[in-house]
Amino acid sequence: MKTIIIFALLTFTLTAQTYKAVEVKGDVKYRSETSEKWNDLKPGSSIGIDEVISTGNNSSVKLQMRDLNFSLEENSALQVGNIKKMSMDELLLALAMEDMINVPLDNKKGTSDNTATYGTHENGKEVSSKINDDFGIKRLNGAMQLANSGLEESALLVAKETYRKYPGTKNISSYLIFFAYIFYSKGLYEEALNEFNQVKKLKLSSSEATKVETAIEEINKLLLNN
């Protein structure tokens, strides 16, 4: 009897964590986070939370899990497990863990040796950083869509993970500003200030520079009054 109950619970858990591709348009592919093989995603397919979905030009997919619907638009990528609602406490814990991962390792080059996961080397072969940064941009596009769908906490975590895994994306001011404002709107002023200060180091347009300077001034005032 216990075996049957445990099996039923496991089955329910796996089912509850599976999305269904209810609509697929154009070039939509998926793969496991640890795999390099992409597969075509077909309408009606079930896809697990450890899978990564990527869309091409003029392509999109609508995913559904119980009462949660999410559409991934063109030129975007996202791990299915990131399509979820997070509490503020969950976000803060995840960000703290992300900060720990970001601590530089003490080696001669001052960089992490875990490059196979993040795209500098894969299967012993050099991979163009341009290709990896392009995929990082796709992930940031996916994160922006999470935010625009009301899943802002998950969006912030995806953005931070993407900056770590695809360092070249940290030089794109528009994304940094977008997510910095979300930190700001959530009342995470120290995190927002750090993001805006990072943006300030980049080459900005005059309008971007004005936005960043204004945001930094406002946040510093808020922090002084707290």
Foldseek 3Di string as FASTA:
>chain_A
DVVVVVVVVVVVVFLQQKKFFQDWDDFKWKDFLPDPDIDGDDHGDIDGQRMKMAAAPQIKTWIDHVPDIAIQGHLAMDRNVLLDADDPVRLVVLVVVLVVVVCFDPDPVSHDPPLCSLQCDPPNDGDDLVVSVSRLVRHLSVLVRSVVVVRLSSSLSSNSVSCRSNVVVLQDLVSLLVNLVSCVVVVVLVVSLVSLVSSCPHDDDPVSNVVSVVSNVVSVVVVVVD
